[in-house]
PDB file of N, CA and C in Angstrom:
ATOM      1  N   MET A   1     106.264-156.930 -89.254  1.00  0.00           N
ATOM      2  CA  MET A   1     105.089-157.454 -88.564  1.00  0.00           C
ATOM      3  C   MET A   1     103.884-156.562 -88.870  1.00  0.00           C
ATOM      4  N   THR A   2     102.719-157.155 -89.095  1.00  0.00           N
ATOM      5  CA  THR A   2     101.503-156.431 -89.449  1.00  0.00           C
ATOM      6  C   THR A   2     100.699-156.130 -88.201  1.00  0.00           C
ATOM      7  N   ASP A   3     100.157-154.911 -88.138  1.00  0.00           N
ATOM      8  CA  ASP A   3      99.298-154.522 -87.029  1.00  0.00           C
ATOM      9  C   ASP A   3      98.028-155.373 -87.050  1.00  0.00           C
ATOM     10  N   GLN A   4      97.655-155.942 -85.911  1.00  0.00           N
ATOM     11  CA  GLN A   4      96.511-156.854 -85.820  1.00  0.00           C
ATOM     12  C   GLN A   4      95.204-156.186 -86.239  1.00  0.00           C
ATOM     13  N   SER A   5      94.995-154.902 -85.863  1.00  0.00           N
ATOM     14  CA  SER A   5      93.741-154.234 -86.204  1.00  0.00           C
ATOM     15  C   SER A   5      93.593-154.062 -87.712  1.00  0.00           C
ATOM     16  N   ASP A   6      94.711-153.809 -88.434  1.00  0.00           N
ATOM     17  CA  ASP A   6      94.641-153.703 -89.890  1.00  0.00           C
ATOM     18  C   ASP A   6      94.264-155.036 -90.510  1.00  0.00           C
ATOM     19  N   THR A   7      94.820-156.107 -89.999  1.00  0.00           N
ATOM     20  CA  THR A   7      94.539-157.434 -90.523  1.00  0.00           C
ATOM     21  C   THR A   7      93.088-157.806 -90.299  1.00  0.00           C
ATOM     22  N   ASP A   8      92.562-157.525 -89.105  1.00  0.00           N
ATOM     23  CA  ASP A   8      91.176-157.879 -88.795  1.00  0.00           C
ATOM     24  C   ASP A   8      90.199-157.190 -89.733  1.00  0.00           C
ATOM     25  N   GLN A   9      90.383-155.893 -89.964  1.00  0.00           N
ATOM     26  CA  GLN A   9      89.449-155.172 -90.812  1.00  0.00           C
ATOM     27  C   GLN A   9      89.544-155.607 -92.257  1.00  0.00           C
ATOM     28  N   SER A  10      90.759-155.834 -92.749  1.00  0.00           N
ATOM     29  CA  SER A  10      90.886-156.205 -94.154  1.00  0.00           C
ATOM     30  C   SER A  10      90.433-157.641 -94.394  1.00  0.00           C
ATOM     31  N   ASP A  11      90.616-158.520 -93.418  1.00  0.00           N
ATOM     32  CA  ASP A  11      90.192-159.904 -93.592  1.00  0.00           C
ATOM     33  C   ASP A  11      88.675-160.058 -93.554  1.00  0.00           C
ATOM     34  N   THR A  12      88.017-159.316 -92.682  1.00  0.00           N
ATOM     35  CA  THR A  12      86.568-159.469 -92.527  1.00  0.00           C
ATOM     36  C   THR A  12      85.784-158.452 -93.336  1.00  0.00           C
ATOM     37  N   GLY A  13      86.449-157.345 -93.716  1.00  0.00           N
ATOM     38  CA  GLY A  13      85.735-156.294 -94.432  1.00  0.00           C
ATOM     39  C   GLY A  13      84.793-155.527 -93.539  1.00  0.00           C
ATOM     40  N   GLN A  14      84.934-155.667 -92.213  1.00  0.00           N
ATOM     41  CA  GLN A  14      84.025-155.008 -91.279  1.00  0.00           C
ATOM     42  C   GLN A  14      84.795-154.045 -90.402  1.00  0.00           C
ATOM     43  N   ASN A  15      84.107-153.003 -89.975  1.00  0.00           N
ATOM     44  CA  ASN A  15      84.616-152.136 -88.928  1.00  0.00           C
ATOM     45  C   ASN A  15      83.423-151.638 -88.134  1.00  0.00           C
ATOM     46  N   ASP A  16      83.664-150.796 -87.152  1.00  0.00           N
ATOM     47  CA  ASP A  16      82.601-150.367 -86.259  1.00  0.00           C
ATOM     48  C   ASP A  16      81.727-149.250 -86.826  1.00  0.00           C
ATOM     49  N   THR A  17      82.137-148.590 -87.884  1.00  0.00           N
ATOM     50  CA  THR A  17      81.406-147.469 -88.444  1.00  0.00           C
ATOM     51  C   THR A  17      80.603-147.912 -89.652  1.00  0.00           C
ATOM     52  N   PRO A  18      79.285-147.599 -89.695  1.00  0.00           N
ATOM     53  CA  PRO A  18      78.494-147.946 -90.885  1.00  0.00           C
ATOM     54  C   PRO A  18      79.104-147.320 -92.127  1.00  0.00           C
ATOM     55  N   ARG A  19      79.023-148.036 -93.241  1.00  0.00           N
ATOM     56  CA  ARG A  19      79.595-147.545 -94.485  1.00  0.00           C
ATOM     57  C   ARG A  19      79.003-146.186 -94.833  1.00  0.00           C
ATOM     58  N   GLY A  20      79.875-145.213 -95.089  1.00  0.00           N
ATOM     59  CA  GLY A  20      79.440-143.889 -95.487  1.00  0.00           C
ATOM     60  C   GLY A  20      78.993-142.996 -94.344  1.00  0.00           C
ATOM     61  N   ALA A  21      79.033-143.480 -93.110  1.00  0.00           N
ATOM     62  CA  ALA A  21      78.578-142.658 -91.991  1.00  0.00           C
ATOM     63  C   ALA A  21      79.591-141.560 -91.713  1.00  0.00           C
ATOM     64  N   GLN A  22      79.081-140.344 -91.522  1.00  0.00           N
ATOM     65  CA  GLN A  22      79.918-139.206 -91.198  1.00  0.00           C
ATOM     66  C   GLN A  22      79.184-138.350 -90.185  1.00  0.00           C
ATOM     67  N   ASN A  23      79.914-137.841 -89.247  1.00  0.00           N
ATOM     68  CA  ASN A  23      79.358-136.899 -88.267  1.00  0.00           C
ATOM     69  C   ASN A  23      78.098-137.424 -87.588  1.00  0.00           C
ATOM     70  N   GLY A  24      78.051-138.702 -87.266  1.00  0.00           N
ATOM     71  CA  GLY A  24      76.920-139.255 -86.544  1.00  0.00           C
ATOM     72  C   GLY A  24      75.700-139.540 -87.385  1.00  0.00           C
ATOM     73  N   THR A  25      75.794-139.475 -88.714  1.00  0.00           N
ATOM     74  CA  THR A  25      74.646-139.781 -89.561  1.00  0.00           C
ATOM     75  C   THR A  25      74.766-141.199 -90.080  1.00  0.00           C
ATOM     76  N   VAL A  26      73.650-141.811 -90.381  1.00  0.00           N
ATOM     77  CA  VAL A  26      73.627-143.159 -90.932  1.00  0.00           C
ATOM     78  C   VAL A  26      73.618-143.044 -92.447  1.00  0.00           C
ATOM     79  N   ALA A  27      74.407-143.883 -93.104  1.00  0.00           N
ATOM     80  CA  ALA A  27      74.474-143.854 -94.566  1.00  0.00           C
ATOM     81  C   ALA A  27      73.133-144.269 -95.159  1.00  0.00           C
ATOM     82  N   HIS A  28      72.818-143.720 -96.329  1.00  0.00           N
ATOM     83  CA  HIS A  28      71.597-144.112 -97.033  1.00  0.00           C
ATOM     84  C   HIS A  28      71.620-145.600 -97.323  1.00  0.00           C
ATOM     85  N   GLY A  29      70.454-146.227 -97.229  1.00  0.00           N
ATOM     86  CA  GLY A  29      70.327-147.625 -97.592  1.00  0.00           C
ATOM     87  C   GLY A  29      70.353-147.769 -99.097  1.00  0.00           C
ATOM     88  N   THR A  30      70.443-148.979 -99.533  1.00  0.00           N
ATOM     89  CA  THR A  30      70.432-149.209-100.966  1.00  0.00           C
ATOM     90  C   THR A  30      69.004-149.108-101.482  1.00  0.00           C
ATOM     91  N   GLY A  31      68.872-148.874-102.747  1.00  0.00           N
ATOM     92  CA  GLY A  31      67.552-148.783-103.351  1.00  0.00           C
ATOM     93  C   GLY A  31      67.179-147.359-103.658  1.00  0.00           C
ATOM     94  N   PRO A  32      66.102-147.188-104.417  1.00  0.00           N
ATOM     95  CA  PRO A  32      65.691-145.854-104.841  1.00  0.00           C
ATOM     96  C   PRO A  32      65.145-145.032-103.678  1.00  0.00           C
ATOM     97  N   GLU A  33      65.365-143.749-103.769  1.00  0.00           N
ATOM     98  CA  GLU A  33      64.791-142.847-102.773  1.00  0.00           C
ATOM     99  C   GLU A  33      63.376-142.495-103.191  1.00  0.00           C
ATOM    100  N   ARG A  34      62.569-142.147-102.215  1.00  0.00           N
ATOM    101  CA  ARG A  34      61.213-141.703-102.503  1.00  0.00           C
ATOM    102  C   ARG A  34      60.864-140.564-101.565  1.00  0.00           C
ATOM    103  N   THR A  35      59.878-139.810-101.952  1.00  0.00           N
ATOM    104  CA  THR A  35      59.405-138.694-101.130  1.00  0.00           C
ATOM    105  C   THR A  35      58.013-139.030-100.630  1.00  0.00           C
ATOM    106  N   GLU A  36      57.810-138.824 -99.337  1.00  0.00           N
ATOM    107  CA  GLU A  36      56.505-139.066 -98.727  1.00  0.00           C
ATOM    108  C   GLU A  36      56.120-137.886 -97.863  1.00  0.00           C
ATOM    109  N   ARG A  37      54.826-137.605 -97.837  1.00  0.00           N
ATOM    110  CA  ARG A  37      54.289-136.621 -96.898  1.00  0.00           C
ATOM    111  C   ARG A  37      53.876-137.390 -95.648  1.00  0.00           C
ATOM    112  N   PHE A  38      54.411-136.986 -94.516  1.00  0.00           N
ATOM    113  CA  PHE A  38      54.041-137.551 -93.230  1.00  0.00           C
ATOM    114  C   PHE A  38      53.056-136.594 -92.568  1.00  0.00           C
ATOM    115  N   GLU A  39      51.949-137.112 -92.065  1.00  0.00           N
ATOM    116  CA  GLU A  39      51.027-136.346 -91.231  1.00  0.00           C
ATOM    117  C   GLU A  39      50.976-137.035 -89.878  1.00  0.00           C
ATOM    118  N   ILE A  40      51.431-136.328 -88.883  1.00  0.00           N
ATOM    119  CA  ILE A  40      51.545-136.860 -87.527  1.00  0.00           C
ATOM    120  C   ILE A  40      50.471-136.185 -86.687  1.00  0.00           C
ATOM    121  N   ARG A  41      49.618-136.994 -86.073  1.00  0.00           N
ATOM    122  CA  ARG A  41      48.497-136.457 -85.303  1.00  0.00           C
ATOM    123  C   ARG A  41      48.592-136.877 -83.843  1.00  0.00           C
ATOM    124  N   GLY A  42      48.072-136.010 -82.986  1.00  0.00           N
ATOM    125  CA  GLY A  42      48.067-136.257 -81.550  1.00  0.00           C
ATOM    126  C   GLY A  42      48.302-134.948 -80.821  1.00  0.00           C
ATOM    127  N   ARG A  43      48.917-135.027 -79.662  1.00  0.00           N
ATOM    128  CA  ARG A  43      49.335-133.812 -78.943  1.00  0.00           C
ATOM    129  C   ARG A  43      50.761-133.522 -79.373  1.00  0.00           C
ATOM    130  N   VAL A  44      50.889-132.848 -80.506  1.00  0.00           N
ATOM    131  CA  VAL A  44      52.198-132.659 -81.137  1.00  0.00           C
ATOM    132  C   VAL A  44      52.558-131.185 -81.289  1.00  0.00           C
ATOM    133  N   GLY A  45      51.940-130.316 -80.479  1.00  0.00           N
ATOM    134  CA  GLY A  45      52.165-128.885 -80.594  1.00  0.00           C
ATOM    135  C   GLY A  45      53.362-128.348 -79.840  1.00  0.00           C
ATOM    136  N   ALA A  46      54.102-129.189 -79.144  1.00  0.00           N
ATOM    137  CA  ALA A  46      55.258-128.715 -78.369  1.00  0.00           C
ATOM    138  C   ALA A  46      56.319-128.116 -79.292  1.00  0.00           C
ATOM    139  N   ALA A  47      56.902-127.022 -78.862  1.00  0.00           N
ATOM    140  CA  ALA A  47      57.926-126.335 -79.660  1.00  0.00           C
ATOM    141  C   ALA A  47      59.159-127.196 -79.889  1.00  0.00           C
ATOM    142  N   SER A  48      59.361-128.191 -79.075  1.00  0.00           N
ATOM    143  CA  SER A  48      60.541-129.060 -79.202  1.00  0.00           C
ATOM    144  C   SER A  48      60.419-130.065 -80.348  1.00  0.00           C
ATOM    145  N   PHE A  49      59.199-130.306 -80.845  1.00  0.00           N
ATOM    146  CA  PHE A  49      59.007-131.383 -81.815  1.00  0.00           C
ATOM    147  C   PHE A  49      59.609-131.099 -83.199  1.00  0.00           C
ATOM    148  N   PRO A  50      59.377-129.924 -83.820  1.00  0.00           N
ATOM    149  CA  PRO A  50      59.992-129.696 -85.139  1.00  0.00           C
ATOM    150  C   PRO A  50      61.521-129.834 -85.158  1.00  0.00           C
ATOM    151  N   PRO A  51      62.250-129.232 -84.182  1.00  0.00           N
ATOM    152  CA  PRO A  51      63.701-129.444 -84.202  1.00  0.00           C
ATOM    153  C   PRO A  51      64.081-130.908 -83.967  1.00  0.00           C
ATOM    154  N   TRP A  52      63.293-131.600 -83.151  1.00  0.00           N
ATOM    155  CA  TRP A  52      63.537-133.023 -82.901  1.00  0.00           C
ATOM    156  C   TRP A  52      63.395-133.800 -84.202  1.00  0.00           C
ATOM    157  N   ILE A  53      62.349-133.519 -84.986  1.00  0.00           N
ATOM    158  CA  ILE A  53      62.126-134.196 -86.263  1.00  0.00           C
ATOM    159  C   ILE A  53      63.291-133.934 -87.208  1.00  0.00           C
ATOM    160  N   ARG A  54      63.672-132.669 -87.332  1.00  0.00           N
ATOM    161  CA  ARG A  54      64.782-132.331 -88.237  1.00  0.00           C
ATOM    162  C   ARG A  54      66.081-133.012 -87.820  1.00  0.00           C
ATOM    163  N   ARG A  55      66.364-133.007 -86.539  1.00  0.00           N
ATOM    164  CA  ARG A  55      67.600-133.606 -86.027  1.00  0.00           C
ATOM    165  C   ARG A  55      67.631-135.115 -86.280  1.00  0.00           C
ATOM    166  N   HIS A  56      66.544-135.795 -85.993  1.00  0.00           N
ATOM    167  CA  HIS A  56      66.516-137.250 -86.180  1.00  0.00           C
ATOM    168  C   HIS A  56      66.467-137.629 -87.657  1.00  0.00           C
ATOM    169  N   GLY A  57      65.779-136.834 -88.463  1.00  0.00           N
ATOM    170  CA  GLY A  57      65.795-137.062 -89.907  1.00  0.00           C
ATOM    171  C   GLY A  57      67.203-136.923 -90.467  1.00  0.00           C
ATOM    172  N   ALA A  58      67.924-135.905 -90.017  1.00  0.00           N
ATOM    173  CA  ALA A  58      69.300-135.694 -90.475  1.00  0.00           C
ATOM    174  C   ALA A  58      70.205-136.848 -90.051  1.00  0.00           C
ATOM    175  N   ARG A  59      69.997-137.376 -88.868  1.00  0.00           N
ATOM    176  CA  ARG A  59      70.797-138.530 -88.412  1.00  0.00           C
ATOM    177  C   ARG A  59      70.590-139.744 -89.305  1.00  0.00           C
ATOM    178  N   LEU A  60      69.392-139.860 -89.863  1.00  0.00           N
ATOM    179  CA  LEU A  60      69.101-140.963 -90.776  1.00  0.00           C
ATOM    180  C   LEU A  60      69.488-140.636 -92.215  1.00  0.00           C
ATOM    181  N   GLY A  61      69.915-139.413 -92.462  1.00  0.00           N
ATOM    182  CA  GLY A  61      70.283-139.014 -93.810  1.00  0.00           C
ATOM    183  C   GLY A  61      69.084-138.662 -94.682  1.00  0.00           C
ATOM    184  N   LEU A  62      67.952-138.346 -94.049  1.00  0.00           N
ATOM    185  CA  LEU A  62      66.748-137.994 -94.787  1.00  0.00           C
ATOM    186  C   LEU A  62      66.694-136.497 -95.044  1.00  0.00           C
ATOM    187  N   GLU A  63      66.084-136.120 -96.156  1.00  0.00           N
ATOM    188  CA  GLU A  63      65.840-134.715 -96.439  1.00  0.00           C
ATOM    189  C   GLU A  63      64.459-134.373 -95.883  1.00  0.00           C
ATOM    190  N   CYS A  64      64.398-133.370 -95.025  1.00  0.00           N
ATOM    191  CA  CYS A  64      63.145-132.950 -94.392  1.00  0.00           C
ATOM    192  C   CYS A  64      62.832-131.533 -94.858  1.00  0.00           C
ATOM    193  N   ARG A  65      61.611-131.320 -95.354  1.00  0.00           N
ATOM    194  CA  ARG A  65      61.228-129.979 -95.793  1.00  0.00           C
ATOM    195  C   ARG A  65      59.722-129.771 -95.615  1.00  0.00           C
ATOM    196  N   ASP A  66      59.323-128.526 -95.769  1.00  0.00           N
ATOM    197  CA  ASP A  66      57.912-128.118 -95.688  1.00  0.00           C
ATOM    198  C   ASP A  66      57.246-128.590 -94.401  1.00  0.00           C
ATOM    199  N   LEU A  67      57.949-128.418 -93.288  1.00  0.00           N
ATOM    200  CA  LEU A  67      57.402-128.833 -92.005  1.00  0.00           C
ATOM    201  C   LEU A  67      56.447-127.755 -91.498  1.00  0.00           C
ATOM    202  N   ALA A  68      55.206-128.152 -91.227  1.00  0.00           N
ATOM    203  CA  ALA A  68      54.185-127.244 -90.690  1.00  0.00           C
ATOM    204  C   ALA A  68      53.607-127.881 -89.430  1.00  0.00           C
ATOM    205  N   GLN A  69      53.498-127.072 -88.381  1.00  0.00           N
ATOM    206  CA  GLN A  69      53.019-127.589 -87.102  1.00  0.00           C
ATOM    207  C   GLN A  69      51.781-126.845 -86.639  1.00  0.00           C
ATOM    208  N   GLN A  70      50.817-127.615 -86.156  1.00  0.00           N
ATOM    209  CA  GLN A  70      49.645-127.095 -85.462  1.00  0.00           C
ATOM    210  C   GLN A  70      49.588-127.833 -84.135  1.00  0.00           C
ATOM    211  N   GLU A  71      48.644-127.465 -83.294  1.00  0.00           N
ATOM    212  CA  GLU A  71      48.562-128.103 -81.980  1.00  0.00           C
ATOM    213  C   GLU A  71      48.336-129.616 -82.083  1.00  0.00           C
ATOM    214  N   ALA A  72      47.496-130.057 -83.026  1.00  0.00           N
ATOM    215  CA  ALA A  72      47.138-131.471 -83.116  1.00  0.00           C
ATOM    216  C   ALA A  72      47.687-132.169 -84.360  1.00  0.00           C
ATOM    217  N   ARG A  73      48.526-131.457 -85.164  1.00  0.00           N
ATOM    218  CA  ARG A  73      49.011-132.083 -86.395  1.00  0.00           C
ATOM    219  C   ARG A  73      50.339-131.468 -86.812  1.00  0.00           C
ATOM    220  N   VAL A  74      51.237-132.327 -87.277  1.00  0.00           N
ATOM    221  CA  VAL A  74      52.480-131.898 -87.910  1.00  0.00           C
ATOM    222  C   VAL A  74      52.503-132.540 -89.284  1.00  0.00           C
ATOM    223  N   SER A  75      52.797-131.742 -90.300  1.00  0.00           N
ATOM    224  CA  SER A  75      52.877-132.236 -91.663  1.00  0.00           C
ATOM    225  C   SER A  75      54.259-131.889 -92.209  1.00  0.00           C
ATOM    226  N   LEU A  76      54.878-132.829 -92.939  1.00  0.00           N
ATOM    227  CA  LEU A  76      56.195-132.592 -93.501  1.00  0.00           C
ATOM    228  C   LEU A  76      56.449-133.515 -94.669  1.00  0.00           C
ATOM    229  N   LEU A  77      57.428-133.161 -95.495  1.00  0.00           N
ATOM    230  CA  LEU A  77      57.884-134.013 -96.585  1.00  0.00           C
ATOM    231  C   LEU A  77      59.239-134.585 -96.205  1.00  0.00           C
ATOM    232  N   LEU A  78      59.387-135.885 -96.408  1.00  0.00           N
ATOM    233  CA  LEU A  78      60.655-136.564 -96.156  1.00  0.00           C
ATOM    234  C   LEU A  78      61.069-137.317 -97.413  1.00  0.00           C
ATOM    235  N   THR A  79      62.350-137.255 -97.736  1.00  0.00           N
ATOM    236  CA  THR A  79      62.890-137.966 -98.888  1.00  0.00           C
ATOM    237  C   THR A  79      64.051-138.838 -98.432  1.00  0.00           C
ATOM    238  N   GLY A  80      64.017-140.102 -98.883  1.00  0.00           N
ATOM    239  CA  GLY A  80      65.087-141.044 -98.567  1.00  0.00           C
ATOM    240  C   GLY A  80      64.673-142.445 -98.951  1.00  0.00           C
ATOM    241  N   PRO A  81      65.536-143.424 -98.678  1.00  0.00           N
ATOM    242  CA  PRO A  81      65.204-144.819 -98.957  1.00  0.00           C
ATOM    243  C   PRO A  81      64.016-145.279 -98.101  1.00  0.00           C
ATOM    244  N   PRO A  82      63.173-146.163 -98.637  1.00  0.00           N
ATOM    245  CA  PRO A  82      61.991-146.619 -97.894  1.00  0.00           C
ATOM    246  C   PRO A  82      62.296-147.151 -96.491  1.00  0.00           C
ATOM    247  N   ALA A  83      63.369-147.895 -96.332  1.00  0.00           N
ATOM    248  CA  ALA A  83      63.684-148.458 -95.007  1.00  0.00           C
ATOM    249  C   ALA A  83      63.974-147.355 -93.990  1.00  0.00           C
ATOM    250  N   LEU A  84      64.609-146.274 -94.430  1.00  0.00           N
ATOM    251  CA  LEU A  84      64.906-145.185 -93.504  1.00  0.00           C
ATOM    252  C   LEU A  84      63.680-144.323 -93.241  1.00  0.00           C
ATOM    253  N   LEU A  85      62.769-144.240 -94.202  1.00  0.00           N
ATOM    254  CA  LEU A  85      61.483-143.576 -93.943  1.00  0.00           C
ATOM    255  C   LEU A  85      60.704-144.362 -92.897  1.00  0.00           C
ATOM    256  N   ASP A  86      60.757-145.692 -92.977  1.00  0.00           N
ATOM    257  CA  ASP A  86      60.113-146.542 -91.964  1.00  0.00           C
ATOM    258  C   ASP A  86      60.725-146.296 -90.587  1.00  0.00           C
ATOM    259  N   ALA A  87      62.054-146.174 -90.547  1.00  0.00           N
ATOM    260  CA  ALA A  87      62.736-145.920 -89.276  1.00  0.00           C
ATOM    261  C   ALA A  87      62.314-144.573 -88.700  1.00  0.00           C
ATOM    262  N   MET A  88      62.143-143.587 -89.566  1.00  0.00           N
ATOM    263  CA  MET A  88      61.710-142.264 -89.104  1.00  0.00           C
ATOM    264  C   MET A  88      60.296-142.321 -88.554  1.00  0.00           C
ATOM    265  N   GLU A  89      59.432-143.092 -89.204  1.00  0.00           N
ATOM    266  CA  GLU A  89      58.071-143.253 -88.680  1.00  0.00           C
ATOM    267  C   GLU A  89      58.109-143.844 -87.273  1.00  0.00           C
ATOM    268  N   MET A  90      58.937-144.861 -87.087  1.00  0.00           N
ATOM    269  CA  MET A  90      59.051-145.478 -85.760  1.00  0.00           C
ATOM    270  C   MET A  90      59.561-144.469 -84.736  1.00  0.00           C
ATOM    271  N   GLY A  91      60.592-143.712 -85.125  1.00  0.00           N
ATOM    272  CA  GLY A  91      61.128-142.711 -84.212  1.00  0.00           C
ATOM    273  C   GLY A  91      60.102-141.657 -83.845  1.00  0.00           C
ATOM    274  N   CYS A  92      59.358-141.172 -84.836  1.00  0.00           N
ATOM    275  CA  CYS A  92      58.336-140.152 -84.572  1.00  0.00           C
ATOM    276  C   CYS A  92      57.220-140.700 -83.690  1.00  0.00           C
ATOM    277  N   SER A  93      56.896-141.976 -83.845  1.00  0.00           N
ATOM    278  CA  SER A  93      55.828-142.556 -83.016  1.00  0.00           C
ATOM    279  C   SER A  93      56.230-142.563 -81.542  1.00  0.00           C
ATOM    280  N   LEU A  94      57.522-142.674 -81.273  1.00  0.00           N
ATOM    281  CA  LEU A  94      58.013-142.620 -79.888  1.00  0.00           C
ATOM    282  C   LEU A  94      58.248-141.186 -79.451  1.00  0.00           C
ATOM    283  N   GLY A  95      58.773-140.364 -80.357  1.00  0.00           N
ATOM    284  CA  GLY A  95      58.927-138.930 -80.161  1.00  0.00           C
ATOM    285  C   GLY A  95      59.635-138.498 -78.899  1.00  0.00           C
ATOM    286  N   PRO A  96      59.764-137.184 -78.678  1.00  0.00           N
ATOM    287  CA  PRO A  96      60.315-136.671 -77.426  1.00  0.00           C
ATOM    288  C   PRO A  96      59.287-136.807 -76.301  1.00  0.00           C
ATOM    289  N   TRP A  97      59.705-136.573 -75.090  1.00  0.00           N
ATOM    290  CA  TRP A  97      58.861-136.817 -73.921  1.00  0.00           C
ATOM    291  C   TRP A  97      57.635-135.906 -73.847  1.00  0.00           C
ATOM    292  N   ASP A  98      57.697-134.715 -74.476  1.00  0.00           N
ATOM    293  CA  ASP A  98      56.620-133.751 -74.291  1.00  0.00           C
ATOM    294  C   ASP A  98      55.557-133.765 -75.399  1.00  0.00           C
ATOM    295  N   ILE A  99      55.538-134.804 -76.211  1.00  0.00           N
ATOM    296  CA  ILE A  99      54.477-134.944 -77.219  1.00  0.00           C
ATOM    297  C   ILE A  99      53.855-136.331 -77.088  1.00  0.00           C
ATOM    298  N   TRP A 100      52.691-136.484 -77.698  1.00  0.00           N
ATOM    299  CA  TRP A 100      52.013-137.785 -77.716  1.00  0.00           C
ATOM    300  C   TRP A 100      51.474-138.013 -79.118  1.00  0.00           C
ATOM    301  N   VAL A 101      52.042-138.992 -79.824  1.00  0.00           N
ATOM    302  CA  VAL A 101      51.617-139.292 -81.188  1.00  0.00           C
ATOM    303  C   VAL A 101      50.523-140.349 -81.143  1.00  0.00           C
ATOM    304  N   GLU A 102      49.385-140.041 -81.755  1.00  0.00           N
ATOM    305  CA  GLU A 102      48.283-140.992 -81.834  1.00  0.00           C
ATOM    306  C   GLU A 102      48.248-141.708 -83.170  1.00  0.00           C
ATOM    307  N   GLN A 103      48.689-141.014 -84.246  1.00  0.00           N
ATOM    308  CA  GLN A 103      48.572-141.599 -85.583  1.00  0.00           C
ATOM    309  C   GLN A 103      49.587-140.940 -86.513  1.00  0.00           C
ATOM    310  N   ILE A 104      50.156-141.744 -87.404  1.00  0.00           N
ATOM    311  CA  ILE A 104      51.019-141.225 -88.464  1.00  0.00           C
ATOM    312  C   ILE A 104      50.491-141.758 -89.784  1.00  0.00           C
ATOM    313  N   ASP A 105      50.134-140.845 -90.678  1.00  0.00           N
ATOM    314  CA  ASP A 105      49.710-141.213 -92.027  1.00  0.00           C
ATOM    315  C   ASP A 105      50.823-140.841 -92.984  1.00  0.00           C
ATOM    316  N   ARG A 106      51.088-141.729 -93.937  1.00  0.00           N
ATOM    317  CA  ARG A 106      52.141-141.505 -94.933  1.00  0.00           C
ATOM    318  C   ARG A 106      51.527-141.539 -96.326  1.00  0.00           C
ATOM    319  N   PHE A 107      51.895-140.542 -97.129  1.00  0.00           N
ATOM    320  CA  PHE A 107      51.372-140.425 -98.479  1.00  0.00           C
ATOM    321  C   PHE A 107      52.533-140.312 -99.455  1.00  0.00           C
ATOM    322  N   PRO A 108      52.797-141.359-100.258  1.00  0.00           N
ATOM    323  CA  PRO A 108      53.864-141.256-101.266  1.00  0.00           C
ATOM    324  C   PRO A 108      53.503-140.189-102.293  1.00  0.00           C
ATOM    325  N   LEU A 109      54.484-139.407-102.691  1.00  0.00           N
ATOM    326  CA  LEU A 109      54.279-138.410-103.731  1.00  0.00           C
ATOM    327  C   LEU A 109      54.664-139.012-105.062  1.00  0.00           C
ATOM    328  N   PHE A 110      53.797-138.919-106.027  1.00  0.00           N
ATOM    329  CA  PHE A 110      54.036-139.421-107.369  1.00  0.00           C
ATOM    330  C   PHE A 110      54.509-140.878-107.334  1.00  0.00           C
ATOM    331  N   PRO A 111      53.719-141.789-106.776  1.00  0.00           N
ATOM    332  CA  PRO A 111      54.177-143.170-106.604  1.00  0.00           C
ATOM    333  C   PRO A 111      54.465-143.910-107.907  1.00  0.00           C
ATOM    334  N   ASP A 112      53.882-143.487-109.032  1.00  0.00           N
ATOM    335  CA  ASP A 112      54.099-144.195-110.290  1.00  0.00           C
ATOM    336  C   ASP A 112      55.293-143.671-111.072  1.00  0.00           C
ATOM    337  N   ALA A 113      55.863-142.546-110.647  1.00  0.00           N
ATOM    338  CA  ALA A 113      56.991-141.945-111.365  1.00  0.00           C
ATOM    339  C   ALA A 113      58.305-142.352-110.699  1.00  0.00           C
ATOM    340  N   PRO A 114      59.377-142.553-111.466  1.00  0.00           N
ATOM    341  CA  PRO A 114      60.659-142.921-110.873  1.00  0.00           C
ATOM    342  C   PRO A 114      61.224-141.790-110.036  1.00  0.00           C
ATOM    343  N   ASP A 115      61.850-142.156-108.922  1.00  0.00           N
ATOM    344  CA  ASP A 115      62.537-141.200-108.049  1.00  0.00           C
ATOM    345  C   ASP A 115      61.642-140.083-107.532  1.00  0.00           C
ATOM    346  N   GLY A 116      60.342-140.323-107.431  1.00  0.00           N
ATOM    347  CA  GLY A 116      59.424-139.328-106.895  1.00  0.00           C
ATOM    348  C   GLY A 116      59.181-138.143-107.812  1.00  0.00           C
ATOM    349  N   ALA A 117      59.568-138.258-109.081  1.00  0.00           N
ATOM    350  CA  ALA A 117      59.385-137.155-110.035  1.00  0.00           C
ATOM    351  C   ALA A 117      57.954-137.133-110.550  1.00  0.00           C
ATOM    352  N   ALA A 118      57.507-135.970-110.946  1.00  0.00           N
ATOM    353  CA  ALA A 118      56.147-135.836-111.481  1.00  0.00           C
ATOM    354  C   ALA A 118      56.104-136.323-112.916  1.00  0.00           C
ATOM    355  N   ASP A 119      54.966-136.883-113.287  1.00  0.00           N
ATOM    356  CA  ASP A 119      54.759-137.300-114.685  1.00  0.00           C
ATOM    357  C   ASP A 119      54.416-136.063-115.506  1.00  0.00           C
ATOM    358  N   ASP A 120      55.046-135.919-116.662  1.00  0.00           N
ATOM    359  CA  ASP A 120      54.747-134.793-117.557  1.00  0.00           C
ATOM    360  C   ASP A 120      54.187-135.289-118.850  1.00  0.00           C
TER     361      ASP A 120
END
């Protein structure tokens, strides 16, 4: 006799865990990755915001680097699929309780080069 749970997953090809998800992170979406500079403006000087950004970026599987914070601006580079960069923008706009985001500007790096590489 076959276990019902094995049959259900193999017949539908579905399970409860997103494909490739490990340790609470979401698998990268399909499509090319790109690097964008995010500039987040508002009351964003709280010490809790940079770790919050890194933690949520990691959950989405994004690479976060060069994060710089001032009282009214946070600037950082994020690399990942466009759909997950969009999700990160949405998350940052809501942010933790102790910040207030007024505006997020996104600047693609090397938009004409494949995979965000510089033209030589």
